[in-house]
Amino acid sequence: MKILKACETLGLNLDDGISSSVIDIKDIERLTGIRINGNGSKIRRDNKPWEFFNIENIKDKNSIVGFDFSGYKTRRELIGELDTQIKSSKKRIINEESKVIERENDKVNLSKTGKLSDLMYSKKDTVSYI
């Protein structure tokens, strides 16, 4: 992985997972030739190996300009992250279930009124989007 190697070259010690200083995104880009988005998503697109580290995003306004590695994560930290991910997944499932129920109700309501071949929209409905 080019980006990990660049981080190592720029001061990330893989023995302890700590960087000697903040690693600047521009330096990573210069070494790898890979453009990194302002939100750092290219760095973390593959969870591994980035999920192994405690990484602080260094920001300038709303863009990430660097990373500070403060060591490998502990079992406690990983469990905490999994708890957060589980809660988030459950919340999304509940949200999606309510959308399914709403759409099923809409379908039933549409099926009960009029003929199935009735047009539901017209030019009048469409032109308001122009």
C-alpha atoms as a PDB file:
ATOM      1  CA  MET A   1       0.000   0.000   0.000  1.00  0.00           C
ATOM      2  CA  LYS A   2       1.647   3.167  -1.273  1.00  0.00           C
ATOM      3  CA  ILE A   3       0.030   5.511   1.230  1.00  0.00           C
ATOM      4  CA  LEU A   4       1.083   3.466   4.261  1.00  0.00           C
ATOM      5  CA  LYS A   5       4.653   3.289   2.951  1.00  0.00           C
ATOM      6  CA  ALA A   6       4.606   7.064   2.416  1.00  0.00           C
ATOM      7  CA  CYS A   7       3.371   7.587   5.983  1.00  0.00           C
ATOM      8  CA  GLU A   8       6.198   5.398   7.235  1.00  0.00           C
ATOM      9  CA  THR A   9       8.709   7.394   5.181  1.00  0.00           C
ATOM     10  CA  LEU A  10       7.250  10.613   6.612  1.00  0.00           C
ATOM     11  CA  GLY A  11       7.612   9.547  10.235  1.00  0.00           C
ATOM     12  CA  LEU A  12       5.080   6.851  11.129  1.00  0.00           C
ATOM     13  CA  ASN A  13       6.800   4.234  13.279  1.00  0.00           C
ATOM     14  CA  LEU A  14       5.134   0.911  12.518  1.00  0.00           C
ATOM     15  CA  ASP A  15       6.599  -0.646  15.686  1.00  0.00           C
ATOM     16  CA  ASP A  16       4.414   1.486  17.955  1.00  0.00           C
ATOM     17  CA  GLY A  17       1.998   3.145  15.500  1.00  0.00           C
ATOM     18  CA  ILE A  18       3.103   6.641  16.477  1.00  0.00           C
ATOM     19  CA  SER A  19       4.137   9.382  14.066  1.00  0.00           C
ATOM     20  CA  SER A  20       7.067  11.565  15.044  1.00  0.00           C
ATOM     21  CA  SER A  21       5.064  14.619  13.934  1.00  0.00           C
ATOM     22  CA  VAL A  22       1.943  15.485  11.956  1.00  0.00           C
ATOM     23  CA  ILE A  23       2.080  13.904   8.515  1.00  0.00           C
ATOM     24  CA  ASP A  24       1.034  16.442   5.889  1.00  0.00           C
ATOM     25  CA  ILE A  25      -1.340  15.290   3.156  1.00  0.00           C
ATOM     26  CA  LYS A  26       0.637  17.236   0.548  1.00  0.00           C
ATOM     27  CA  ASP A  27       3.750  15.235   1.447  1.00  0.00           C
ATOM     28  CA  ILE A  28       1.819  11.967   1.083  1.00  0.00           C
ATOM     29  CA  GLU A  29       0.526  13.113  -2.311  1.00  0.00           C
ATOM     30  CA  ARG A  30       4.018  14.132  -3.414  1.00  0.00           C
ATOM     31  CA  LEU A  31       5.487  10.738  -2.495  1.00  0.00           C
ATOM     32  CA  THR A  32       2.681   8.574  -3.857  1.00  0.00           C
ATOM     33  CA  GLY A  33       1.302  10.558  -6.765  1.00  0.00           C
ATOM     34  CA  ILE A  34      -2.146   9.825  -5.307  1.00  0.00           C
ATOM     35  CA  ARG A  35      -4.495  12.778  -4.805  1.00  0.00           C
ATOM     36  CA  ILE A  36      -6.069  12.656  -1.360  1.00  0.00           C
ATOM     37  CA  ASN A  37      -9.502  14.228  -0.863  1.00  0.00           C
ATOM     38  CA  GLY A  38      -9.913  17.081   1.588  1.00  0.00           C
ATOM     39  CA  ASN A  39     -11.897  14.807   3.887  1.00  0.00           C
ATOM     40  CA  GLY A  40      -9.188  12.121   3.944  1.00  0.00           C
ATOM     41  CA  SER A  41     -11.472   9.465   2.487  1.00  0.00           C
ATOM     42  CA  LYS A  42      -8.804   8.098   0.175  1.00  0.00           C
ATOM     43  CA  ILE A  43      -6.661   7.341   3.229  1.00  0.00           C
ATOM     44  CA  ARG A  44      -9.447   5.472   4.967  1.00  0.00           C
ATOM     45  CA  ARG A  45     -11.289   3.946   2.012  1.00  0.00           C
ATOM     46  CA  ASP A  46      -9.860   0.550   2.889  1.00  0.00           C
ATOM     47  CA  ASN A  47     -10.489   0.151   6.574  1.00  0.00           C
ATOM     48  CA  LYS A  48      -7.345  -1.897   6.901  1.00  0.00           C
ATOM     49  CA  PRO A  49      -4.713  -0.928   7.907  1.00  0.00           C
ATOM     50  CA  TRP A  50      -6.072   2.461   9.002  1.00  0.00           C
ATOM     51  CA  GLU A  51      -8.490   0.929  11.498  1.00  0.00           C
ATOM     52  CA  PHE A  52      -5.469  -0.361  13.444  1.00  0.00           C
ATOM     53  CA  PHE A  53      -4.327   3.158  14.390  1.00  0.00           C
ATOM     54  CA  ASN A  54      -5.516   6.013  16.554  1.00  0.00           C
ATOM     55  CA  ILE A  55      -5.392   8.832  14.010  1.00  0.00           C
ATOM     56  CA  GLU A  56      -6.229  12.450  14.661  1.00  0.00           C
ATOM     57  CA  ASN A  57      -7.277  14.397  11.593  1.00  0.00           C
ATOM     58  CA  ILE A  58      -5.532  17.771  11.499  1.00  0.00           C
ATOM     59  CA  LYS A  59      -7.889  20.291   9.917  1.00  0.00           C
ATOM     60  CA  ASP A  60      -7.634  23.703   8.364  1.00  0.00           C
ATOM     61  CA  LYS A  61     -11.170  25.093   8.157  1.00  0.00           C
ATOM     62  CA  ASN A  62     -13.217  22.127   6.839  1.00  0.00           C
ATOM     63  CA  SER A  63     -10.415  20.253   5.080  1.00  0.00           C
ATOM     64  CA  ILE A  64      -8.065  17.690   6.534  1.00  0.00           C
ATOM     65  CA  VAL A  65      -4.470  18.793   5.953  1.00  0.00           C
ATOM     66  CA  GLY A  66      -2.643  16.100   7.887  1.00  0.00           C
ATOM     67  CA  PHE A  67      -2.717  13.127  10.202  1.00  0.00           C
ATOM     68  CA  ASP A  68      -1.232  12.538  13.628  1.00  0.00           C
ATOM     69  CA  PHE A  69      -0.828   8.872  14.545  1.00  0.00           C
ATOM     70  CA  SER A  70      -0.881   8.252  18.307  1.00  0.00           C
ATOM     71  CA  GLY A  71      -0.413   4.497  18.442  1.00  0.00           C
ATOM     72  CA  TYR A  72      -2.238   1.275  17.788  1.00  0.00           C
ATOM     73  CA  LYS A  73      -5.758   0.855  19.136  1.00  0.00           C
ATOM     74  CA  THR A  74      -6.511  -1.181  22.220  1.00  0.00           C
ATOM     75  CA  ARG A  75      -9.104  -3.917  22.484  1.00  0.00           C
ATOM     76  CA  ARG A  76     -11.266  -1.493  24.529  1.00  0.00           C
ATOM     77  CA  GLU A  77     -11.126   1.125  21.756  1.00  0.00           C
ATOM     78  CA  LEU A  78     -12.075  -1.417  19.096  1.00  0.00           C
ATOM     79  CA  ILE A  79     -14.996  -2.675  21.188  1.00  0.00           C
ATOM     80  CA  GLY A  80     -16.159   0.923  21.647  1.00  0.00           C
ATOM     81  CA  GLU A  81     -15.986   1.549  17.895  1.00  0.00           C
ATOM     82  CA  LEU A  82     -17.934  -1.652  17.230  1.00  0.00           C
ATOM     83  CA  ASP A  83     -20.595  -0.571  19.734  1.00  0.00           C
ATOM     84  CA  THR A  84     -20.933   2.743  17.882  1.00  0.00           C
ATOM     85  CA  GLN A  85     -21.148   0.981  14.509  1.00  0.00           C
ATOM     86  CA  ILE A  86     -23.759  -1.459  15.831  1.00  0.00           C
ATOM     87  CA  LYS A  87     -25.923   1.402  17.177  1.00  0.00           C
ATOM     88  CA  SER A  88     -25.618   3.239  13.869  1.00  0.00           C
ATOM     89  CA  SER A  89     -26.556   0.113  11.891  1.00  0.00           C
ATOM     90  CA  LYS A  90     -29.576  -0.523  14.119  1.00  0.00           C
ATOM     91  CA  LYS A  91     -30.688   3.087  13.662  1.00  0.00           C
ATOM     92  CA  ARG A  92     -30.414   2.756   9.860  1.00  0.00           C
ATOM     93  CA  ILE A  93     -32.388  -0.503   9.948  1.00  0.00           C
ATOM     94  CA  ILE A  94     -35.188   1.098  11.989  1.00  0.00           C
ATOM     95  CA  ASN A  95     -35.233   4.043   9.588  1.00  0.00           C
ATOM     96  CA  GLU A  96     -35.384   1.749   6.557  1.00  0.00           C
ATOM     97  CA  GLU A  97     -38.137  -0.367   8.155  1.00  0.00           C
ATOM     98  CA  SER A  98     -40.264   2.747   8.646  1.00  0.00           C
ATOM     99  CA  LYS A  99     -39.701   3.677   4.974  1.00  0.00           C
ATOM    100  CA  VAL A 100     -40.832   0.192   3.924  1.00  0.00           C
ATOM    101  CA  ILE A 101     -43.996   0.480   6.017  1.00  0.00           C
ATOM    102  CA  GLU A 102     -44.717   3.937   4.603  1.00  0.00           C
ATOM    103  CA  ARG A 103     -44.241   2.715   1.018  1.00  0.00           C
ATOM    104  CA  GLU A 104     -46.412  -0.345   1.643  1.00  0.00           C
ATOM    105  CA  ASN A 105     -49.162   1.943   2.971  1.00  0.00           C
ATOM    106  CA  ASP A 106     -48.808   4.211  -0.083  1.00  0.00           C
ATOM    107  CA  LYS A 107     -49.107   1.164  -2.348  1.00  0.00           C
ATOM    108  CA  VAL A 108     -52.237  -0.063  -0.551  1.00  0.00           C
ATOM    109  CA  ASN A 109     -53.799   3.403  -0.735  1.00  0.00           C
ATOM    110  CA  LEU A 110     -53.049   3.683  -4.445  1.00  0.00           C
ATOM    111  CA  SER A 111     -54.476   0.227  -5.090  1.00  0.00           C
ATOM    112  CA  LYS A 112     -57.753   1.025  -3.292  1.00  0.00           C
ATOM    113  CA  THR A 113     -58.661   4.149  -5.262  1.00  0.00           C
ATOM    114  CA  GLY A 114     -59.403   4.341  -8.978  1.00  0.00           C
ATOM    115  CA  LYS A 115     -58.300   2.044 -11.775  1.00  0.00           C
ATOM    116  CA  LEU A 116     -54.718   0.809 -11.965  1.00  0.00           C
ATOM    117  CA  SER A 117     -54.466   2.307 -15.473  1.00  0.00           C
ATOM    118  CA  ASP A 118     -55.314   5.832 -14.261  1.00  0.00           C
ATOM    119  CA  LEU A 119     -52.553   8.393 -14.888  1.00  0.00           C
ATOM    120  CA  MET A 120     -51.382   9.869 -11.621  1.00  0.00           C
ATOM    121  CA  TYR A 121     -49.449  12.872 -12.949  1.00  0.00           C
ATOM    122  CA  SER A 122     -49.786  15.397 -15.746  1.00  0.00           C
ATOM    123  CA  LYS A 123     -47.983  18.308 -17.341  1.00  0.00           C
ATOM    124  CA  LYS A 124     -49.369  20.515 -14.551  1.00  0.00           C
ATOM    125  CA  ASP A 125     -47.443  18.453 -11.986  1.00  0.00           C
ATOM    126  CA  THR A 126     -44.289  18.382 -14.092  1.00  0.00           C
ATOM    127  CA  VAL A 127     -43.869  22.052 -15.053  1.00  0.00           C
ATOM    128  CA  SER A 128     -43.420  23.156 -11.459  1.00  0.00           C
ATOM    129  CA  TYR A 129     -39.967  21.490 -11.594  1.00  0.00           C
ATOM    130  CA  ILE A 130     -38.782  23.544 -14.576  1.00  0.00           C
END
